[in-house]
Amino acid sequence: MHRTNKTNLQNRLSRIEGQVRGIGRMVEEDRYCIDILTQLTAVRAALSKVEHELLREHIDHCVGAAFATGDAVEQRAKADELVTLLQRSLR
């Protein structure tokens, strides 16, 4: 993972962590359900952005490197990883 991308992802995850703590406080304070649900939707969207960024990084660098080597076994392994990941995410 590239340094700038790593820092960016860590910053995003820290913000998400803060959002989740805030949701916990909202529940503790018996805040309006719709407000809590709105915040949960925002957290899911933020996590999705992190997920997409990590996937792009993996494809650009890890999968790209496997295909650049010409090693069919490594290429198949990376393709299988992606298929497994997609199968898990579709459940």
Protein backbone atom coordinates (compact mmCIF):
# COMPACT_ATOMS: atom_id res chain seq x y z
CA MET A 1 0.00 0.00 0.00
CA HIS A 2 1.29 3.44 -0.89
CA ARG A 3 2.12 5.79 1.97
CA THR A 4 -0.28 8.57 0.91
CA ASN A 5 -3.13 6.11 0.44
CA LYS A 6 -2.36 4.48 3.79
CA THR A 7 -2.51 7.84 5.57
CA ASN A 8 -5.74 8.73 3.76
CA LEU A 9 -7.35 5.43 4.75
CA GLN A 10 -6.20 5.76 8.36
CA ASN A 11 -7.70 9.26 8.52
CA ARG A 12 -10.99 8.04 7.08
CA LEU A 13 -11.12 5.14 9.53
CA SER A 14 -10.42 7.48 12.44
CA ARG A 15 -13.34 9.68 11.36
CA ILE A 16 -15.56 6.61 11.08
CA GLU A 17 -14.47 5.52 14.56
CA GLY A 18 -15.52 8.93 15.87
CA GLN A 19 -18.86 8.65 14.09
CA VAL A 20 -19.51 5.25 15.67
CA ARG A 21 -18.68 6.59 19.13
CA GLY A 22 -21.08 9.45 18.46
CA ILE A 23 -23.81 6.98 17.53
CA GLY A 24 -23.18 5.17 20.80
CA ARG A 25 -23.69 8.44 22.65
CA MET A 26 -26.87 9.08 20.68
CA VAL A 27 -28.26 5.70 21.75
CA GLU A 28 -27.23 6.33 25.34
CA GLU A 29 -29.01 9.70 25.26
CA ASP A 30 -32.17 8.15 23.75
CA ARG A 31 -31.96 10.37 20.69
CA TYR A 32 -34.59 10.23 17.96
CA CYS A 33 -34.41 6.93 16.07
CA ILE A 34 -34.35 8.55 12.63
CA ASP A 35 -31.34 10.66 13.63
CA ILE A 36 -29.48 7.53 14.76
CA LEU A 37 -30.45 5.65 11.60
CA THR A 38 -29.25 8.58 9.49
CA GLN A 39 -25.87 8.43 11.21
CA LEU A 40 -25.69 4.67 10.71
CA THR A 41 -26.32 5.19 6.99
CA ALA A 42 -23.49 7.72 6.90
CA VAL A 43 -21.11 5.27 8.61
CA ARG A 44 -22.02 2.51 6.15
CA ALA A 45 -21.38 4.87 3.25
CA ALA A 46 -18.02 5.90 4.70
CA LEU A 47 -17.00 2.27 5.23
CA SER A 48 -18.04 1.50 1.68
CA LYS A 49 -15.73 4.25 0.40
CA VAL A 50 -12.83 2.78 2.39
CA GLU A 51 -13.67 -0.67 1.04
CA HIS A 52 -13.72 0.58 -2.55
CA GLU A 53 -10.43 2.41 -2.10
CA LEU A 54 -8.77 -0.70 -0.69
CA LEU A 55 -10.16 -2.82 -3.50
CA ARG A 56 -8.88 -0.36 -6.10
CA GLU A 57 -5.46 -0.38 -4.43
CA HIS A 58 -5.41 -4.18 -4.41
CA ILE A 59 -6.37 -4.40 -8.08
CA ASP A 60 -3.97 -1.66 -9.18
CA HIS A 61 -0.98 -2.97 -7.32
CA CYS A 62 -1.32 -6.55 -6.10
CA VAL A 63 -3.33 -7.96 -8.98
CA GLY A 64 -1.52 -5.76 -11.49
CA ALA A 65 1.85 -6.98 -10.22
CA ALA A 66 0.75 -10.62 -10.52
CA PHE A 67 -0.28 -10.09 -14.13
CA ALA A 68 2.88 -8.16 -14.93
CA THR A 69 5.02 -11.13 -13.86
CA GLY A 70 3.34 -13.44 -16.34
CA ASP A 71 3.15 -16.12 -13.63
CA ALA A 72 -0.07 -18.01 -14.40
CA VAL A 73 -0.25 -19.55 -10.91
CA GLU A 74 0.02 -16.15 -9.24
CA GLN A 75 -2.48 -14.66 -11.67
CA ARG A 76 -4.97 -17.44 -10.90
CA ALA A 77 -4.44 -16.98 -7.15
CA LYS A 78 -5.20 -13.24 -7.36
CA ALA A 79 -8.27 -13.87 -9.53
CA ASP A 80 -9.50 -16.50 -7.06
CA GLU A 81 -9.03 -14.05 -4.17
CA LEU A 82 -11.22 -11.50 -5.95
CA VAL A 83 -13.93 -14.06 -6.75
CA THR A 84 -13.98 -15.21 -3.11
CA LEU A 85 -14.20 -11.61 -1.91
CA LEU A 86 -17.07 -10.84 -4.27
CA GLN A 87 -18.92 -13.99 -3.23
CA ARG A 88 -18.62 -12.98 0.44
CA SER A 89 -19.81 -9.46 -0.25
CA LEU A 90 -22.89 -10.67 -2.15
CA ARG A 91 -24.20 -12.66 0.84
